[in-house]
N, C-alpha and C. Protein backbone atom coordinates (compact mmCIF):
# COMPACT_ATOMS: atom_id res chain seq x y z
N GLY A 1 -25.34 38.77 1.47
CA GLY A 1 -24.08 38.72 2.16
C GLY A 1 -24.11 39.20 3.66
N GLN A 2 -24.84 39.69 4.23
CA GLN A 2 -25.04 40.01 5.56
C GLN A 2 -25.40 38.70 6.27
N ALA A 3 -26.13 37.91 6.06
CA ALA A 3 -26.50 36.78 6.96
C ALA A 3 -25.73 35.68 6.52
N MET A 4 -24.94 35.82 5.91
CA MET A 4 -23.63 34.60 5.46
C MET A 4 -23.21 34.14 6.74
N PRO A 5 -22.58 35.06 7.66
CA PRO A 5 -21.76 34.48 9.06
C PRO A 5 -22.87 33.68 9.79
N GLY A 6 -24.25 34.23 9.85
CA GLY A 6 -25.21 33.34 10.48
C GLY A 6 -25.37 32.03 10.02
N CYS A 7 -25.44 31.76 8.68
CA CYS A 7 -25.63 30.67 8.08
C CYS A 7 -24.58 29.74 8.17
N ALA A 8 -23.21 30.10 8.12
CA ALA A 8 -22.08 29.34 8.55
C ALA A 8 -22.11 28.80 9.85
N ASN A 9 -22.47 29.82 10.68
CA ASN A 9 -22.88 29.55 12.35
C ASN A 9 -23.95 28.47 12.43
N SER A 10 -24.83 28.53 11.90
CA SER A 10 -25.80 27.78 11.60
C SER A 10 -25.53 26.06 11.22
N PHE A 11 -25.05 26.19 10.30
CA PHE A 11 -24.47 24.89 9.59
C PHE A 11 -23.48 24.33 10.53
N TYR A 12 -22.58 24.91 11.07
CA TYR A 12 -21.59 24.14 12.21
C TYR A 12 -22.41 23.83 13.33
N GLY A 13 -23.52 24.32 13.82
CA GLY A 13 -24.16 23.97 14.72
C GLY A 13 -25.06 22.75 14.43
N GLN A 14 -25.62 22.82 13.47
CA GLN A 14 -26.23 21.43 13.02
C GLN A 14 -25.48 20.48 12.89
N MET A 15 -24.12 20.41 12.20
CA MET A 15 -23.18 19.35 11.83
C MET A 15 -22.69 18.97 13.44
N ASP A 16 -22.40 19.97 14.27
CA ASP A 16 -22.17 19.43 15.62
C ASP A 16 -23.17 18.44 16.70
N SER A 17 -24.34 19.00 16.21
CA SER A 17 -25.77 18.41 16.65
C SER A 17 -25.80 16.86 16.08
N LEU A 18 -25.62 17.10 14.94
CA LEU A 18 -25.87 15.66 14.48
C LEU A 18 -24.66 14.85 14.49
N LEU A 19 -23.36 15.11 14.83
CA LEU A 19 -22.24 14.41 15.09
C LEU A 19 -22.63 13.92 16.63
N ASN A 20 -23.24 14.62 17.56
CA ASN A 20 -23.45 14.12 19.03
C ASN A 20 -24.57 12.98 18.83
N LEU A 21 -25.73 13.33 18.07
CA LEU A 21 -26.65 12.52 17.83
C LEU A 21 -26.55 11.20 17.58
N GLN A 22 -25.63 11.06 16.33
CA GLN A 22 -25.23 9.98 15.52
C GLN A 22 -24.23 9.34 16.47
N TYR A 23 -23.30 9.90 16.93
CA TYR A 23 -22.28 8.97 18.48
C TYR A 23 -23.08 8.38 19.18
N ARG A 24 -24.00 9.30 19.77
CA ARG A 24 -24.92 8.53 20.87
C ARG A 24 -25.90 7.39 20.58
N LYS A 25 -26.15 7.66 19.14
CA LYS A 25 -27.08 6.37 18.73
C LYS A 25 -26.20 5.36 18.33
N LEU A 26 -25.24 5.42 17.70
CA LEU A 26 -24.25 4.55 17.44
C LEU A 26 -23.69 3.66 18.64
N ILE A 27 -23.38 4.56 19.78
CA ILE A 27 -22.85 3.76 20.92
C ILE A 27 -23.73 2.96 21.79
N SER A 28 -25.01 3.51 21.54
CA SER A 28 -26.02 2.64 22.27
C SER A 28 -26.38 1.36 21.71
N GLN A 29 -25.93 1.11 20.52
CA GLN A 29 -26.36 -0.14 19.62
C GLN A 29 -24.94 -0.85 19.96
N MET A 30 -23.96 -0.55 20.46
CA MET A 30 -23.03 -1.40 20.57
C MET A 30 -22.85 -2.27 22.04
N GLY A 31 -21.91 -3.25 21.73
CA GLY A 31 -21.63 -3.77 23.32
C GLY A 31 -20.44 -3.02 23.70
N THR A 32 -20.25 -3.60 25.07
CA THR A 32 -19.09 -2.98 25.83
C THR A 32 -17.76 -2.99 24.80
N ALA A 33 -17.05 -3.61 24.50
CA ALA A 33 -15.95 -3.63 23.88
C ALA A 33 -16.01 -2.64 22.83
N GLU A 34 -17.24 -2.93 21.62
CA GLU A 34 -17.27 -1.93 20.76
C GLU A 34 -17.40 -0.68 21.17
N GLY A 35 -18.04 -0.29 22.17
CA GLY A 35 -18.36 0.82 22.56
C GLY A 35 -17.44 1.62 23.20
N ALA A 36 -16.37 0.83 23.82
CA ALA A 36 -15.22 1.39 24.43
C ALA A 36 -14.09 1.65 23.36
N ARG A 37 -14.33 0.78 22.15
CA ARG A 37 -13.39 1.23 21.20
C ARG A 37 -13.98 2.57 20.45
N LEU A 38 -15.09 2.59 20.24
CA LEU A 38 -15.39 3.88 19.77
C LEU A 38 -15.25 5.09 20.48
N LYS A 39 -15.46 4.99 21.87
CA LYS A 39 -15.21 6.09 22.57
C LYS A 39 -13.65 6.59 22.45
N ASN A 40 -12.88 5.78 22.41
CA ASN A 40 -11.46 5.93 22.19
C ASN A 40 -11.24 6.60 20.92
N GLU A 41 -11.83 5.98 20.05
CA GLU A 41 -11.52 6.38 18.56
C GLU A 41 -12.18 7.95 18.49
N GLN A 42 -13.42 8.36 18.85
CA GLN A 42 -13.80 9.41 19.20
C GLN A 42 -12.93 10.59 19.91
N ARG A 43 -12.47 10.25 21.09
CA ARG A 43 -11.50 11.01 21.56
C ARG A 43 -10.35 11.32 20.74
N GLN A 44 -9.96 10.26 20.18
CA GLN A 44 -8.77 10.61 19.31
C GLN A 44 -9.12 11.58 18.16
N TRP A 45 -10.26 11.43 17.42
CA TRP A 45 -10.80 12.26 16.49
C TRP A 45 -10.88 13.45 16.81
N ILE A 46 -11.59 13.79 18.17
CA ILE A 46 -11.61 14.92 19.01
C ILE A 46 -10.06 15.97 19.06
N ALA A 47 -9.25 15.21 19.48
CA ALA A 47 -7.93 15.88 19.51
C ALA A 47 -7.19 16.23 18.20
N GLU A 48 -7.24 15.13 17.33
CA GLU A 48 -7.04 15.52 15.57
C GLU A 48 -7.99 16.80 15.11
N ARG A 49 -9.16 16.77 15.48
CA ARG A 49 -10.23 17.76 14.83
C ARG A 49 -9.39 19.01 15.63
N ASP A 50 -9.27 19.26 16.99
CA ASP A 50 -8.68 20.44 17.52
C ASP A 50 -7.57 20.94 16.78
N LYS A 51 -6.64 20.12 16.63
CA LYS A 51 -5.29 20.39 15.81
C LYS A 51 -5.57 20.85 14.46
N HIS A 52 -6.52 20.10 13.86
CA HIS A 52 -6.98 20.64 12.38
C HIS A 52 -7.30 22.02 12.62
N PHE A 53 -8.44 22.19 13.39
CA PHE A 53 -8.98 23.56 13.42
C PHE A 53 -8.00 24.88 13.73
N VAL A 54 -6.86 24.57 14.51
CA VAL A 54 -5.86 25.53 14.75
C VAL A 54 -5.10 25.74 13.30
N LEU A 55 -4.85 24.66 12.49
CA LEU A 55 -4.08 25.00 11.36
C LEU A 55 -5.17 25.30 10.32
N LEU A 56 -6.32 25.20 10.27
CA LEU A 56 -7.44 25.73 9.48
C LEU A 56 -7.70 27.54 9.74
N LYS A 57 -7.40 27.58 11.15
CA LYS A 57 -7.55 29.08 11.19
C LYS A 57 -6.29 30.03 10.67
N GLN A 58 -4.98 29.14 10.86
CA GLN A 58 -3.84 29.81 10.37
C GLN A 58 -4.10 29.93 8.52
N GLN A 59 -4.64 29.03 8.07
CA GLN A 59 -4.63 28.74 6.47
C GLN A 59 -5.73 29.85 6.27
N VAL A 60 -6.78 29.97 6.70
CA VAL A 60 -7.79 31.24 6.47
C VAL A 60 -7.15 32.41 6.64
N HIS A 61 -6.74 32.72 7.70
CA HIS A 61 -6.28 33.89 7.86
C HIS A 61 -5.14 34.12 6.96
N LYS A 62 -4.19 33.68 6.52
CA LYS A 62 -3.23 33.73 5.35
C LYS A 62 -3.99 34.26 4.11
N GLU A 63 -5.01 33.33 3.81
CA GLU A 63 -5.69 33.44 2.57
C GLU A 63 -6.70 34.96 2.72
N ALA A 64 -6.96 35.33 3.91
CA ALA A 64 -7.57 36.66 3.98
C ALA A 64 -6.60 37.52 4.06
N VAL A 65 -5.64 37.43 4.48
CA VAL A 65 -4.50 38.78 4.41
C VAL A 65 -4.27 38.64 2.94
N ASP A 66 -3.87 37.62 2.28
CA ASP A 66 -3.71 37.61 0.74
C ASP A 66 -4.76 38.13 -0.41
N ASN A 67 -5.77 38.20 0.30
CA ASN A 67 -7.08 38.58 -0.67
C ASN A 67 -7.68 39.91 0.05
N GLY A 68 -7.19 40.45 1.12
CA GLY A 68 -7.39 41.68 1.60
C GLY A 68 -8.62 41.68 2.39
N PHE A 69 -9.05 40.65 3.15
CA PHE A 69 -10.32 40.75 3.80
C PHE A 69 -10.02 40.19 5.51
N ALA A 70 -8.69 40.34 5.81
CA ALA A 70 -8.32 39.73 6.90
C ALA A 70 -8.89 40.39 8.14
N GLY A 71 -9.35 39.47 8.97
CA GLY A 71 -10.01 40.24 10.31
C GLY A 71 -11.50 40.27 10.21
N GLY A 72 -12.19 40.34 9.07
CA GLY A 72 -13.59 40.66 8.88
C GLY A 72 -14.41 39.31 9.10
N GLN A 73 -15.75 39.60 8.86
CA GLN A 73 -16.83 38.70 8.71
C GLN A 73 -16.69 37.54 7.84
N ASP A 74 -15.72 37.97 6.70
CA ASP A 74 -15.70 36.80 5.82
C ASP A 74 -14.61 36.00 6.16
N GLU A 75 -13.84 36.19 6.76
CA GLU A 75 -12.59 35.33 7.38
C GLU A 75 -13.34 34.22 8.50
N GLN A 76 -14.17 34.79 9.07
CA GLN A 76 -14.74 34.13 10.24
C GLN A 76 -15.80 33.18 9.58
N MET A 77 -16.48 33.56 8.84
CA MET A 77 -17.54 32.79 7.90
C MET A 77 -16.60 31.62 7.19
N ILE A 78 -15.52 31.80 6.53
CA ILE A 78 -15.11 30.85 5.76
C ILE A 78 -14.29 29.78 6.73
N LEU A 79 -13.99 30.31 7.96
CA LEU A 79 -13.33 29.57 8.96
C LEU A 79 -14.52 28.64 9.41
N THR A 80 -15.46 29.01 9.83
CA THR A 80 -16.68 28.32 10.37
C THR A 80 -17.13 27.25 9.56
N GLU A 81 -17.29 27.63 8.04
CA GLU A 81 -17.71 26.93 7.12
C GLU A 81 -16.59 25.44 6.98
N ARG A 82 -15.57 25.89 7.00
CA ARG A 82 -14.71 24.71 6.85
C ARG A 82 -14.44 23.84 8.18
N LYS A 83 -14.52 24.36 9.17
CA LYS A 83 -14.85 23.68 10.43
C LYS A 83 -15.96 22.65 10.41
N ALA A 84 -17.19 23.30 9.85
CA ALA A 84 -18.45 22.46 9.85
C ALA A 84 -18.09 21.43 8.73
N SER A 85 -17.42 21.71 7.73
CA SER A 85 -17.26 20.77 6.80
C SER A 85 -16.52 19.46 7.56
N CYS A 86 -15.48 19.88 8.17
CA CYS A 86 -14.75 18.82 8.89
C CYS A 86 -15.49 17.89 9.71
N VAL A 87 -16.31 18.36 10.66
CA VAL A 87 -17.32 17.72 11.44
C VAL A 87 -18.24 16.99 10.51
N LYS A 88 -18.84 17.36 9.38
CA LYS A 88 -19.68 16.60 8.78
C LYS A 88 -18.93 15.41 8.12
N HIS A 89 -17.52 15.82 7.84
CA HIS A 89 -17.03 14.43 7.49
C HIS A 89 -17.16 13.34 8.43
N ARG A 90 -16.89 13.70 9.61
CA ARG A 90 -16.98 12.61 10.76
C ARG A 90 -18.52 12.13 10.93
N VAL A 91 -19.44 12.86 10.88
CA VAL A 91 -20.88 12.48 10.82
C VAL A 91 -20.88 11.55 9.78
N VAL A 92 -20.44 11.61 8.73
CA VAL A 92 -20.61 10.70 7.53
C VAL A 92 -19.92 9.36 7.83
N GLU A 93 -18.72 9.43 8.48
CA GLU A 93 -17.98 8.33 9.01
C GLU A 93 -18.76 7.36 10.01
N LEU A 94 -19.38 8.16 10.89
CA LEU A 94 -20.51 7.41 11.77
C LEU A 94 -21.55 7.06 11.38
N LEU A 95 -22.21 7.83 10.32
CA LEU A 95 -23.44 7.03 9.69
C LEU A 95 -22.85 5.85 8.87
N THR A 96 -21.69 5.66 8.38
CA THR A 96 -21.23 4.62 7.73
C THR A 96 -21.17 3.41 8.61
N MET A 97 -20.53 3.60 9.75
CA MET A 97 -20.61 2.61 10.61
C MET A 97 -21.59 2.16 11.16
N SER A 98 -22.83 3.06 11.24
CA SER A 98 -23.94 2.46 11.66
C SER A 98 -24.60 1.77 10.40
N VAL A 99 -24.46 1.83 9.41
CA VAL A 99 -25.13 0.95 8.21
C VAL A 99 -24.26 -0.31 8.35
N SER A 100 -22.85 -0.23 8.37
CA SER A 100 -22.02 -1.22 8.46
C SER A 100 -22.39 -2.31 9.70
N ALA A 101 -22.80 -1.78 10.83
CA ALA A 101 -23.05 -2.31 11.89
C ALA A 101 -24.33 -3.05 11.64
N LYS A 102 -25.43 -2.37 10.89
CA LYS A 102 -26.67 -2.93 10.67
C LYS A 102 -26.64 -4.15 9.89
N SER A 103 -25.95 -3.92 8.82
CA SER A 103 -25.73 -5.09 7.96
C SER A 103 -25.14 -6.39 8.43
N GLN A 104 -24.35 -6.24 9.40
CA GLN A 104 -23.35 -7.38 9.97
C GLN A 104 -24.48 -7.94 11.26
N TYR A 105 -25.43 -7.06 11.87
CA TYR A 105 -26.23 -7.79 12.59
C TYR A 105 -27.92 -7.38 12.65
N PRO A 106 -28.31 -8.06 11.59
CA PRO A 106 -29.79 -7.87 10.88
C PRO A 106 -30.67 -7.74 12.14
């Protein structure tokens, strides 16, 4: 149980790193117009992600208060894991775009 916050932080760091790697890889394979579209889409996703993270923090805190572990490491760990899952979802979207682009341009 004591290493779990570190695992959650590590998971988030790995997902964030994968997100950046996949984004750079995908954008390097695109033309100017497609790259500009992806940049705008990514900026919009980041803005939405930031809003979602605020809501997640509120939701997790409420759950923590309701379950008696507010303010502790468990609350932070759960929040970090949920943030990582959100980023993971975007990584999968970018990977899907990459696969789709490869099938269009063999």
